[in-house]
Amino acid sequence: MALHIGGVDLESRFFLGTAGYPSPQVLKEAIAAAGTQVVTLALKRQLAAAGTPNDFYSIIRGSGARLLPNTAGCRSAREAVTLAQMAREMFDTHWIKLEVVGDDYTLQPDPFELVEAARTLVKEGFEVFPYCTDDLVSCQRLLDVGCRILMPWGAPIGSGQGLLNPTALRTLRARLPGVPLVVDAGIGSPKDAVQAMELGYDAVLVNSAVSQSHDPVKMARGFKLAVESGRLAYEAGIMARQEMAVPSTPVTGQPFVL
């Protein structure tokens, strides 16, 4: 079943980041191997590095994927709103991945500035994809100001630690059944993507685990398969764990005499 998110239907549930690849060619090949339909771009960092994101944008346009600009590096609601407005003008999209950093060590989102920025951007017609923690109350506040999608972290950005608090993520999924949820940040390997999808999350966004691997193209392919596998397992219904052994083949009546 297709994923309906941000007003569009997507066949792929694997979103891919574009930072840190060894070369533009490797990025291009990784996007193709991932089969992704959504890629992110950190506008602030691209402008600081090269003055223009046109090289990256041409790769993305050539792939056919939708662009999800993000406000990575912003530390206040005001700064994030300004960058989002720039992204809409540059890329002609009302989609924005909203990031507002609250701590330089963990890069944890600032829940107060994040809500304030989301409130403003929603009023301006943006489809806001807020990068947030796995705190239920913070997530509810984002929904209260008009966000229709949430992107809770699995672990600090770029840490590769996997899903540190699956209980909190499971609670979010249970309490917000109709909200598209995308695990963003901290995923280290395809097994983490499988776990997120088995919890019932709608998609995962991965950057460093692909771009920093020894073979980003092959790793992108691995994540593609992991996301598909985890989603199929969730839809099929995973068997309940048992405290003790249960015979897989039931025996009734008299045993066979051989």
Protein backbone atom coordinates (compact mmCIF):
# COMPACT_ATOMS: atom_id res chain seq x y z
CA MET A 1 0.00 0.00 0.00
CA ALA A 2 1.28 3.45 -0.92
CA LEU A 3 2.25 5.95 1.77
CA HIS A 4 0.04 9.04 1.72
CA ILE A 5 2.05 11.90 3.18
CA GLY A 6 2.13 15.63 2.59
CA GLY A 7 -0.70 15.39 0.09
CA VAL A 8 1.05 12.86 -2.19
CA ASP A 9 1.21 9.08 -2.53
CA LEU A 10 4.63 7.45 -2.36
CA GLU A 11 5.58 3.89 -3.19
CA SER A 12 8.90 4.11 -1.33
CA ARG A 13 9.00 4.51 2.46
CA PHE A 14 12.73 5.19 2.50
CA PHE A 15 13.74 8.88 2.61
CA LEU A 16 17.39 9.67 1.92
CA GLY A 17 19.67 12.49 3.04
CA THR A 18 22.20 14.01 0.63
CA ALA A 19 25.05 15.16 2.91
CA GLY A 20 28.53 13.71 3.26
CA TYR A 21 28.81 11.53 0.15
CA PRO A 22 32.29 10.97 -1.34
CA SER A 23 31.24 12.57 -4.63
CA PRO A 24 28.18 13.81 -6.53
CA GLN A 25 28.35 10.68 -8.69
CA VAL A 26 28.17 8.40 -5.66
CA LEU A 27 25.20 10.42 -4.39
CA LYS A 28 23.47 10.03 -7.74
CA GLU A 29 24.01 6.29 -7.75
CA ALA A 30 22.92 5.94 -4.11
CA ILE A 31 19.63 7.73 -4.81
CA ALA A 32 18.98 5.34 -7.67
CA ALA A 33 19.91 2.27 -5.59
CA ALA A 34 17.68 3.42 -2.73
CA GLY A 35 14.64 3.74 -4.96
CA THR A 36 13.74 6.72 -2.83
CA GLN A 37 11.12 9.26 -3.82
CA VAL A 38 12.06 11.84 -1.18
CA VAL A 39 15.51 13.31 -0.56
CA THR A 40 16.54 16.02 1.89
CA LEU A 41 18.93 18.91 1.43
CA ALA A 42 20.39 21.14 4.14
CA LEU A 43 20.03 24.55 2.52
CA LYS A 44 22.04 26.46 5.13
CA ARG A 45 25.04 24.17 4.89
CA GLN A 46 25.00 24.05 1.11
CA LEU A 47 24.94 27.82 0.86
CA ALA A 48 27.83 28.08 3.33
CA ALA A 49 29.89 25.48 1.49
CA ALA A 50 29.43 26.45 -2.12
CA GLY A 51 27.25 29.53 -2.33
CA THR A 52 24.60 27.61 -4.26
CA PRO A 53 22.90 24.22 -4.00
CA ASN A 54 22.43 24.00 -7.78
CA ASP A 55 24.77 21.00 -8.26
CA PHE A 56 22.88 18.98 -5.69
CA TYR A 57 19.54 20.19 -6.97
CA SER A 58 20.34 19.09 -10.53
CA ILE A 59 21.14 15.58 -9.26
CA ILE A 60 17.89 15.47 -7.32
CA ARG A 61 15.84 16.75 -10.23
CA GLY A 62 17.45 14.16 -12.49
CA SER A 63 16.50 11.37 -10.07
CA GLY A 64 12.82 12.30 -10.14
CA ALA A 65 12.67 12.36 -6.33
CA ARG A 66 10.81 15.03 -4.39
CA LEU A 67 12.97 17.52 -2.55
CA LEU A 68 12.47 18.03 1.17
CA PRO A 69 14.62 21.05 2.11
CA ASN A 70 15.57 21.23 5.76
CA THR A 71 16.55 23.94 8.22
CA ALA A 72 19.52 22.07 9.73
CA GLY A 73 21.82 24.33 11.72
CA CYS A 74 19.13 26.77 12.85
CA ARG A 75 18.95 27.62 16.55
CA SER A 76 15.86 29.77 16.76
CA ALA A 77 12.34 29.80 15.40
CA ARG A 78 13.00 33.08 13.62
CA GLU A 79 16.08 31.73 11.84
CA ALA A 80 14.29 28.53 10.81
CA VAL A 81 11.27 30.40 9.44
CA THR A 82 13.52 32.67 7.36
CA LEU A 83 15.39 29.70 5.90
CA ALA A 84 12.13 27.87 5.15
CA GLN A 85 10.87 30.91 3.25
CA MET A 86 14.10 30.99 1.23
CA ALA A 87 13.78 27.28 0.44
CA ARG A 88 10.24 27.73 -0.84
CA GLU A 89 11.36 30.47 -3.20
CA MET A 90 14.45 28.60 -4.43
CA PHE A 91 12.93 25.17 -4.91
CA ASP A 92 9.25 25.95 -5.49
CA THR A 93 8.06 23.57 -2.78
CA HIS A 94 5.97 24.10 0.34
CA TRP A 95 7.49 21.02 1.97
CA ILE A 96 9.99 21.78 4.73
CA LYS A 97 11.78 19.55 7.21
CA LEU A 98 11.86 21.78 10.25
CA GLU A 99 14.92 21.54 12.50
CA VAL A 100 15.72 23.85 15.42
CA VAL A 101 18.73 22.75 17.47
CA GLY A 102 18.52 23.19 21.23
CA ASP A 103 21.78 21.60 22.37
CA ASP A 104 25.14 21.66 20.61
CA TYR A 105 26.33 18.36 22.11
CA THR A 106 23.37 16.12 21.31
CA LEU A 107 21.86 18.32 18.57
CA GLN A 108 18.58 17.66 20.34
CA PRO A 109 15.67 19.69 18.98
CA ASP A 110 14.50 22.67 21.03
CA PRO A 111 10.84 21.78 21.68
CA PHE A 112 9.76 25.37 22.41
CA GLU A 113 11.39 27.04 19.40
CA LEU A 114 10.30 24.12 17.23
CA VAL A 115 6.64 24.56 18.11
CA GLU A 116 6.85 28.30 17.59
CA ALA A 117 8.44 27.91 14.16
CA ALA A 118 5.94 25.23 13.18
CA ARG A 119 3.04 27.47 14.20
CA THR A 120 4.27 30.25 11.92
CA LEU A 121 5.09 28.01 8.96
CA VAL A 122 1.77 26.18 9.06
CA LYS A 123 -0.03 29.53 8.94
CA GLU A 124 2.07 30.43 5.89
CA GLY A 125 0.95 27.31 4.05
CA PHE A 126 3.95 25.05 4.53
CA GLU A 127 3.70 21.28 4.90
CA VAL A 128 5.90 20.99 7.97
CA PHE A 129 7.90 17.82 8.67
CA PRO A 130 9.20 18.60 12.19
CA TYR A 131 12.30 16.81 13.44
CA CYS A 132 11.49 16.21 17.11
CA THR A 133 12.27 13.97 20.06
CA ASP A 134 10.21 10.91 20.95
CA ASP A 135 8.43 12.80 23.76
CA LEU A 136 4.68 12.32 23.42
CA VAL A 137 3.68 15.71 24.86
CA SER A 138 6.08 17.61 22.58
CA CYS A 139 4.67 15.71 19.62
CA GLN A 140 1.13 16.53 20.64
CA ARG A 141 2.00 20.24 20.83
CA LEU A 142 3.31 20.10 17.26
CA LEU A 143 0.06 18.54 16.15
CA ASP A 144 -1.87 21.21 18.05
CA VAL A 145 -0.28 23.98 15.95
CA GLY A 146 -1.18 22.25 12.70
CA CYS A 147 1.60 19.78 11.86
CA ARG A 148 0.23 16.70 10.10
CA ILE A 149 3.49 14.70 10.08
CA LEU A 150 6.07 13.98 12.79
CA MET A 151 9.70 12.93 12.50
CA PRO A 152 10.84 11.68 15.94
CA TRP A 153 14.46 10.75 16.43
CA GLY A 154 15.73 7.25 17.07
CA ALA A 155 18.97 8.60 18.57
CA PRO A 156 21.08 11.77 18.26
CA ILE A 157 21.83 12.85 14.68
CA GLY A 158 24.72 11.02 13.06
CA SER A 159 25.34 8.80 16.09
CA GLY A 160 24.41 5.49 14.47
CA GLN A 161 23.15 4.24 17.83
CA GLY A 162 19.89 2.87 16.45
CA LEU A 163 16.56 3.11 18.29
CA LEU A 164 17.57 3.98 21.85
CA ASN A 165 14.04 4.10 23.23
CA PRO A 166 11.76 1.73 21.31
CA THR A 167 9.23 1.91 24.15
CA ALA A 168 8.74 5.65 23.58
CA LEU A 169 8.48 5.13 19.84
CA ARG A 170 5.96 2.36 20.36
CA THR A 171 3.93 4.67 22.60
CA LEU A 172 3.91 7.38 19.93
CA ARG A 173 2.66 4.92 17.35
CA ALA A 174 -0.08 3.66 19.65
CA ARG A 175 -1.26 7.10 20.77
CA LEU A 176 -1.09 8.76 17.35
CA PRO A 177 -2.54 6.08 15.06
CA GLY A 178 -3.60 8.38 12.24
CA VAL A 179 -0.46 10.51 12.06
CA PRO A 180 2.32 9.72 9.55
CA LEU A 181 5.43 9.01 11.63
CA VAL A 182 8.93 8.94 10.15
CA VAL A 183 11.92 7.84 12.25
CA ASP A 184 14.65 10.39 11.62
CA ALA A 185 18.20 10.46 12.99
CA GLY A 186 20.40 7.94 14.74
CA ILE A 187 19.78 4.94 12.50
CA GLY A 188 23.05 3.05 12.07
CA SER A 189 22.32 -0.01 9.97
CA PRO A 190 19.50 -1.67 8.02
CA LYS A 191 18.47 -3.67 11.09
CA ASP A 192 17.46 -0.40 12.77
CA ALA A 193 15.25 0.41 9.79
CA VAL A 194 13.63 -3.02 10.04
CA GLN A 195 12.93 -2.42 13.73
CA ALA A 196 11.36 0.99 13.08
CA MET A 197 9.13 -0.36 10.35
CA GLU A 198 8.10 -3.38 12.45
CA LEU A 199 6.94 -0.91 15.12
CA GLY A 200 4.48 0.43 12.57
CA TYR A 201 6.31 3.58 11.54
CA ASP A 202 5.42 4.86 8.11
CA ALA A 203 8.93 5.58 6.84
CA VAL A 204 12.54 6.16 7.86
CA LEU A 205 14.97 8.90 6.88
CA VAL A 206 18.65 7.94 6.70
CA ASN A 207 21.70 9.98 5.82
CA SER A 208 24.97 9.21 7.65
CA ALA A 209 24.46 5.44 7.78
CA VAL A 210 24.48 5.46 3.98
CA SER A 211 26.86 8.30 3.11
CA GLN A 212 29.50 7.29 5.69
CA SER A 213 29.51 3.59 4.85
CA HIS A 214 32.35 2.05 2.86
CA ASP A 215 30.02 1.53 -0.10
CA PRO A 216 27.13 4.04 -0.01
CA VAL A 217 25.49 2.64 -3.13
CA LYS A 218 25.38 -0.88 -1.78
CA MET A 219 24.25 0.37 1.64
CA ALA A 220 21.43 2.36 0.04
CA ARG A 221 20.25 -0.84 -1.59
CA GLY A 222 20.47 -2.62 1.77
CA PHE A 223 18.30 -0.01 3.44
CA LYS A 224 15.77 -0.16 0.61
CA LEU A 225 15.31 -3.88 1.18
CA ALA A 226 15.26 -3.46 4.97
CA VAL A 227 12.48 -0.88 4.85
CA GLU A 228 10.44 -3.07 2.52
CA SER A 229 11.03 -6.12 4.72
CA GLY A 230 10.09 -4.35 7.94
CA ARG A 231 6.92 -2.93 6.44
CA LEU A 232 5.84 -6.31 5.09
CA ALA A 233 6.44 -7.88 8.51
CA TYR A 234 4.31 -5.20 10.17
CA GLU A 235 1.48 -5.62 7.70
CA ALA A 236 1.62 -9.41 7.95
CA GLY A 237 1.44 -9.35 11.75
CA ILE A 238 4.41 -10.52 13.79
CA MET A 239 3.83 -13.53 16.02
CA ALA A 240 3.66 -12.95 19.77
CA ARG A 241 6.72 -13.89 21.80
CA GLN A 242 6.35 -16.88 24.11
CA GLU A 243 7.93 -17.44 27.51
CA MET A 244 8.78 -21.05 26.70
CA ALA A 245 9.02 -23.42 23.77
CA VAL A 246 5.89 -24.10 21.75
CA PRO A 247 5.98 -26.93 19.22
CA SER A 248 5.65 -25.62 15.68
CA THR A 249 3.96 -28.86 14.61
CA PRO A 250 1.08 -29.86 16.90
CA VAL A 251 0.64 -33.58 17.62
CA THR A 252 -2.76 -35.17 18.26
CA GLY A 253 -3.76 -38.74 19.02
CA GLN A 254 -1.29 -41.61 18.82
CA PRO A 255 2.22 -41.02 17.53
CA PHE A 256 3.22 -42.64 14.27
CA VAL A 257 4.87 -46.00 14.57
CA LEU A 258 7.91 -46.20 12.34
